[in-house]
Amino acid sequence: MLTDDEGFMSEAIKEARAAADGEVPIGCVIVKGGNIIARAANEKETRKLATAHAEMLAIAEASRAADNWYLEGCTLYVTLEPCAMCAGAIVAARLDRVVFGAYDKRFGACGTLFNIASDARLNHRAEVVGGVLEKDCAGLLSDFFKERRKRGQDG
């Protein structure tokens, strides 16, 4: 039986798998009161936009759903540890929790390289839980980059 965190991370994994061809498969869902209020996948390539990370798109959708930028009482689930930009947006949106799957040794800003979401110097802190369904989340990414290398694309 899955825990709530694992169940919602499974939904984020579905979003990652649904990412358009050519997109790095990262998925995100935002939950409030046990209900998913936003879903998104990475769309940087599709939109040709550096800020079109799954977290940024999900935060925008959740803000529309809540009719408020203030997302207190919400948990963000994402398949890869948020980067500095996304961690900053998490703080700005006042999300209560961040749950991520795979750790990001290159860009991780929720505990690996930086700890922006929990930094006591900031006006808001989110609880951070990492490594939920880590193997599944990391596998999506490694399979994606392995396939890109086979096709001779940068990765």
C-alpha atoms as a PDB file:
ATOM      1  CA  MET A   1       0.000   0.000   0.000  1.00  0.00           C
ATOM      2  CA  LEU A   2       1.333   3.432  -0.951  1.00  0.00           C
ATOM      3  CA  THR A   3       1.636   6.280   1.515  1.00  0.00           C
ATOM      4  CA  ASP A   4      -0.048   9.573   0.577  1.00  0.00           C
ATOM      5  CA  ASP A   5       3.346  10.975  -0.433  1.00  0.00           C
ATOM      6  CA  GLU A   6       4.020   7.957  -2.642  1.00  0.00           C
ATOM      7  CA  GLY A   7       0.538   8.120  -4.160  1.00  0.00           C
ATOM      8  CA  PHE A   8       0.869  11.783  -5.069  1.00  0.00           C
ATOM      9  CA  MET A   9       4.439  11.221  -6.299  1.00  0.00           C
ATOM     10  CA  SER A  10       3.011   8.518  -8.576  1.00  0.00           C
ATOM     11  CA  GLU A  11       0.779  11.213 -10.055  1.00  0.00           C
ATOM     12  CA  ALA A  12       3.821  13.458 -10.592  1.00  0.00           C
ATOM     13  CA  ILE A  13       5.533  10.519 -12.328  1.00  0.00           C
ATOM     14  CA  LYS A  14       2.517  10.229 -14.665  1.00  0.00           C
ATOM     15  CA  GLU A  15       2.994  13.901 -15.553  1.00  0.00           C
ATOM     16  CA  ALA A  16       6.698  13.305 -16.214  1.00  0.00           C
ATOM     17  CA  ARG A  17       5.913  10.364 -18.492  1.00  0.00           C
ATOM     18  CA  ALA A  18       3.396  12.502 -20.382  1.00  0.00           C
ATOM     19  CA  ALA A  19       5.994  15.214 -21.076  1.00  0.00           C
ATOM     20  CA  ALA A  20       6.255  15.979 -24.770  1.00  0.00           C
ATOM     21  CA  ASP A  21       8.917  14.233 -26.822  1.00  0.00           C
ATOM     22  CA  GLY A  22      12.176  16.106 -26.365  1.00  0.00           C
ATOM     23  CA  GLU A  23      11.318  17.445 -22.916  1.00  0.00           C
ATOM     24  CA  VAL A  24      13.266  16.303 -19.878  1.00  0.00           C
ATOM     25  CA  PRO A  25      10.661  14.124 -18.107  1.00  0.00           C
ATOM     26  CA  ILE A  26       9.931  16.033 -14.922  1.00  0.00           C
ATOM     27  CA  GLY A  27       6.419  16.092 -13.517  1.00  0.00           C
ATOM     28  CA  CYS A  28       4.756  17.977 -10.710  1.00  0.00           C
ATOM     29  CA  VAL A  29       1.437  18.040  -8.873  1.00  0.00           C
ATOM     30  CA  ILE A  30       0.235  20.381  -6.141  1.00  0.00           C
ATOM     31  CA  VAL A  31      -2.124  19.063  -3.494  1.00  0.00           C
ATOM     32  CA  LYS A  32      -4.423  20.871  -1.075  1.00  0.00           C
ATOM     33  CA  GLY A  33      -6.746  19.109   1.338  1.00  0.00           C
ATOM     34  CA  GLY A  34      -5.955  15.738  -0.212  1.00  0.00           C
ATOM     35  CA  ASN A  35      -6.937  16.906  -3.725  1.00  0.00           C
ATOM     36  CA  ILE A  36      -4.699  17.650  -6.675  1.00  0.00           C
ATOM     37  CA  ILE A  37      -5.292  21.278  -7.658  1.00  0.00           C
ATOM     38  CA  ALA A  38      -2.529  21.555 -10.295  1.00  0.00           C
ATOM     39  CA  ARG A  39      -0.544  19.326 -12.639  1.00  0.00           C
ATOM     40  CA  ALA A  40       2.331  20.116 -14.954  1.00  0.00           C
ATOM     41  CA  ALA A  41       5.281  18.674 -16.814  1.00  0.00           C
ATOM     42  CA  ASN A  42       8.466  20.350 -17.922  1.00  0.00           C
ATOM     43  CA  GLU A  43       7.845  22.460 -21.068  1.00  0.00           C
ATOM     44  CA  LYS A  44      11.128  24.329 -21.575  1.00  0.00           C
ATOM     45  CA  GLU A  45      11.642  23.008 -25.108  1.00  0.00           C
ATOM     46  CA  THR A  46       8.004  23.239 -26.165  1.00  0.00           C
ATOM     47  CA  ARG A  47       7.621  26.829 -24.982  1.00  0.00           C
ATOM     48  CA  LYS A  48      11.239  27.814 -25.720  1.00  0.00           C
ATOM     49  CA  LEU A  49      11.221  29.328 -22.243  1.00  0.00           C
ATOM     50  CA  ALA A  50      13.858  28.808 -19.544  1.00  0.00           C
ATOM     51  CA  THR A  51      11.314  29.285 -16.749  1.00  0.00           C
ATOM     52  CA  ALA A  52       8.863  26.619 -18.012  1.00  0.00           C
ATOM     53  CA  HIS A  53       9.880  24.109 -15.349  1.00  0.00           C
ATOM     54  CA  ALA A  54       7.173  21.745 -14.109  1.00  0.00           C
ATOM     55  CA  GLU A  55       7.155  23.416 -10.676  1.00  0.00           C
ATOM     56  CA  MET A  56       6.763  26.929 -12.100  1.00  0.00           C
ATOM     57  CA  LEU A  57       3.892  25.866 -14.351  1.00  0.00           C
ATOM     58  CA  ALA A  58       2.171  23.958 -11.527  1.00  0.00           C
ATOM     59  CA  ILE A  59       2.514  26.908  -9.129  1.00  0.00           C
ATOM     60  CA  ALA A  60       0.901  29.180 -11.735  1.00  0.00           C
ATOM     61  CA  GLU A  61      -1.946  26.693 -12.252  1.00  0.00           C
ATOM     62  CA  ALA A  62      -2.457  26.233  -8.486  1.00  0.00           C
ATOM     63  CA  SER A  63      -2.574  30.016  -8.029  1.00  0.00           C
ATOM     64  CA  ARG A  64      -5.294  30.227 -10.680  1.00  0.00           C
ATOM     65  CA  ALA A  65      -7.207  27.344  -9.058  1.00  0.00           C
ATOM     66  CA  ALA A  66      -6.937  28.952  -5.612  1.00  0.00           C
ATOM     67  CA  ASP A  67      -7.515  32.451  -7.012  1.00  0.00           C
ATOM     68  CA  ASN A  68      -4.564  33.491  -4.873  1.00  0.00           C
ATOM     69  CA  TRP A  69      -0.762  33.543  -5.115  1.00  0.00           C
ATOM     70  CA  TYR A  70      -0.628  32.472  -1.466  1.00  0.00           C
ATOM     71  CA  LEU A  71      -0.591  28.658  -1.489  1.00  0.00           C
ATOM     72  CA  GLU A  72      -0.621  27.989   2.241  1.00  0.00           C
ATOM     73  CA  GLY A  73      -1.828  24.481   3.052  1.00  0.00           C
ATOM     74  CA  CYS A  74      -0.448  23.068  -0.204  1.00  0.00           C
ATOM     75  CA  THR A  75       2.188  20.427  -0.886  1.00  0.00           C
ATOM     76  CA  LEU A  76       4.199  20.370  -4.108  1.00  0.00           C
ATOM     77  CA  TYR A  77       5.272  16.936  -5.394  1.00  0.00           C
ATOM     78  CA  VAL A  78       7.952  16.863  -8.092  1.00  0.00           C
ATOM     79  CA  THR A  79       9.986  14.046  -9.598  1.00  0.00           C
ATOM     80  CA  LEU A  80      13.322  15.914  -9.413  1.00  0.00           C
ATOM     81  CA  GLU A  81      14.665  18.099  -6.620  1.00  0.00           C
ATOM     82  CA  PRO A  82      13.792  21.733  -7.396  1.00  0.00           C
ATOM     83  CA  CYS A  83      16.465  24.088  -8.728  1.00  0.00           C
ATOM     84  CA  ALA A  84      17.206  27.514  -7.192  1.00  0.00           C
ATOM     85  CA  MET A  85      14.576  29.269  -9.343  1.00  0.00           C
ATOM     86  CA  CYS A  86      11.846  26.800  -8.432  1.00  0.00           C
ATOM     87  CA  ALA A  87      12.843  26.709  -4.758  1.00  0.00           C
ATOM     88  CA  GLY A  88      12.587  30.511  -4.711  1.00  0.00           C
ATOM     89  CA  ALA A  89       9.116  30.316  -6.242  1.00  0.00           C
ATOM     90  CA  ILE A  90       8.124  27.729  -3.621  1.00  0.00           C
ATOM     91  CA  VAL A  91       9.142  30.157  -0.866  1.00  0.00           C
ATOM     92  CA  ALA A  92       7.440  33.106  -2.595  1.00  0.00           C
ATOM     93  CA  ALA A  93       4.194  31.123  -3.011  1.00  0.00           C
ATOM     94  CA  ARG A  94       4.286  30.091   0.667  1.00  0.00           C
ATOM     95  CA  LEU A  95       3.856  26.363  -0.024  1.00  0.00           C
ATOM     96  CA  ASP A  96       3.878  24.317   3.191  1.00  0.00           C
ATOM     97  CA  ARG A  97       5.710  21.251   1.908  1.00  0.00           C
ATOM     98  CA  VAL A  98       7.904  20.079  -0.943  1.00  0.00           C
ATOM     99  CA  VAL A  99       8.222  16.379  -1.674  1.00  0.00           C
ATOM    100  CA  PHE A 100      10.639  15.331  -4.389  1.00  0.00           C
ATOM    101  CA  GLY A 101      11.776  12.041  -5.869  1.00  0.00           C
ATOM    102  CA  ALA A 102      15.299  12.109  -7.303  1.00  0.00           C
ATOM    103  CA  TYR A 103      18.093  14.198  -5.813  1.00  0.00           C
ATOM    104  CA  ASP A 104      19.778  16.611  -8.237  1.00  0.00           C
ATOM    105  CA  LYS A 105      23.536  16.716  -7.646  1.00  0.00           C
ATOM    106  CA  ARG A 106      24.029  19.422 -10.292  1.00  0.00           C
ATOM    107  CA  PHE A 107      21.246  21.916  -9.516  1.00  0.00           C
ATOM    108  CA  GLY A 108      19.374  20.739  -6.401  1.00  0.00           C
ATOM    109  CA  ALA A 109      18.300  23.635  -4.177  1.00  0.00           C
ATOM    110  CA  CYS A 110      16.198  21.795  -1.591  1.00  0.00           C
ATOM    111  CA  GLY A 111      19.047  20.207   0.334  1.00  0.00           C
ATOM    112  CA  THR A 112      21.670  18.974  -2.114  1.00  0.00           C
ATOM    113  CA  LEU A 113      23.605  22.079  -3.265  1.00  0.00           C
ATOM    114  CA  PHE A 114      21.504  24.723  -1.545  1.00  0.00           C
ATOM    115  CA  ASN A 115      18.652  24.599   0.921  1.00  0.00           C
ATOM    116  CA  ILE A 116      16.562  27.545  -0.220  1.00  0.00           C
ATOM    117  CA  ALA A 117      13.146  26.129   0.696  1.00  0.00           C
ATOM    118  CA  SER A 118      14.195  25.635   4.334  1.00  0.00           C
ATOM    119  CA  ASP A 119      16.599  28.550   4.771  1.00  0.00           C
ATOM    120  CA  ALA A 120      15.910  30.195   8.145  1.00  0.00           C
ATOM    121  CA  ARG A 121      17.067  33.573   6.767  1.00  0.00           C
ATOM    122  CA  LEU A 122      14.045  33.765   4.471  1.00  0.00           C
ATOM    123  CA  ASN A 123      10.558  34.935   5.446  1.00  0.00           C
ATOM    124  CA  HIS A 124       9.003  31.525   4.739  1.00  0.00           C
ATOM    125  CA  ARG A 125      10.211  27.965   5.009  1.00  0.00           C
ATOM    126  CA  ALA A 126       8.725  24.817   3.547  1.00  0.00           C
ATOM    127  CA  GLU A 127       9.139  21.355   4.989  1.00  0.00           C
ATOM    128  CA  VAL A 128      11.216  19.319   2.516  1.00  0.00           C
ATOM    129  CA  VAL A 129      11.034  15.547   2.043  1.00  0.00           C
ATOM    130  CA  GLY A 130      13.374  14.005  -0.521  1.00  0.00           C
ATOM    131  CA  GLY A 131      13.818  10.565  -2.022  1.00  0.00           C
ATOM    132  CA  VAL A 132      10.144   9.567  -2.331  1.00  0.00           C
ATOM    133  CA  LEU A 133       9.962   6.900  -5.052  1.00  0.00           C
ATOM    134  CA  GLU A 134      13.511   7.996  -5.847  1.00  0.00           C
ATOM    135  CA  LYS A 135      14.381   4.921  -7.911  1.00  0.00           C
ATOM    136  CA  ASP A 136      11.368   5.379 -10.201  1.00  0.00           C
ATOM    137  CA  CYS A 137      11.983   9.119 -10.618  1.00  0.00           C
ATOM    138  CA  ALA A 138      15.712   8.745 -11.255  1.00  0.00           C
ATOM    139  CA  GLY A 139      15.008   5.917 -13.710  1.00  0.00           C
ATOM    140  CA  LEU A 140      12.819   8.175 -15.854  1.00  0.00           C
ATOM    141  CA  LEU A 141      15.660  10.666 -16.165  1.00  0.00           C
ATOM    142  CA  SER A 142      18.432   8.143 -16.768  1.00  0.00           C
ATOM    143  CA  ASP A 143      16.358   6.360 -19.436  1.00  0.00           C
ATOM    144  CA  PHE A 144      15.622   9.686 -21.144  1.00  0.00           C
ATOM    145  CA  PHE A 145      19.288  10.746 -21.264  1.00  0.00           C
ATOM    146  CA  LYS A 146      20.438   7.262 -22.287  1.00  0.00           C
ATOM    147  CA  GLU A 147      18.042   7.420 -25.264  1.00  0.00           C
ATOM    148  CA  ARG A 148      19.223  10.927 -26.173  1.00  0.00           C
ATOM    149  CA  ARG A 149      22.849   9.759 -26.178  1.00  0.00           C
ATOM    150  CA  LYS A 150      21.905   6.828 -28.443  1.00  0.00           C
ATOM    151  CA  ARG A 151      20.328   9.289 -30.875  1.00  0.00           C
ATOM    152  CA  GLY A 152      23.434  11.496 -30.685  1.00  0.00           C
ATOM    153  CA  GLN A 153      21.746  14.448 -28.964  1.00  0.00           C
ATOM    154  CA  ASP A 154      23.277  16.498 -26.174  1.00  0.00           C
ATOM    155  CA  GLY A 155      22.435  15.350 -22.712  1.00  0.00           C
END
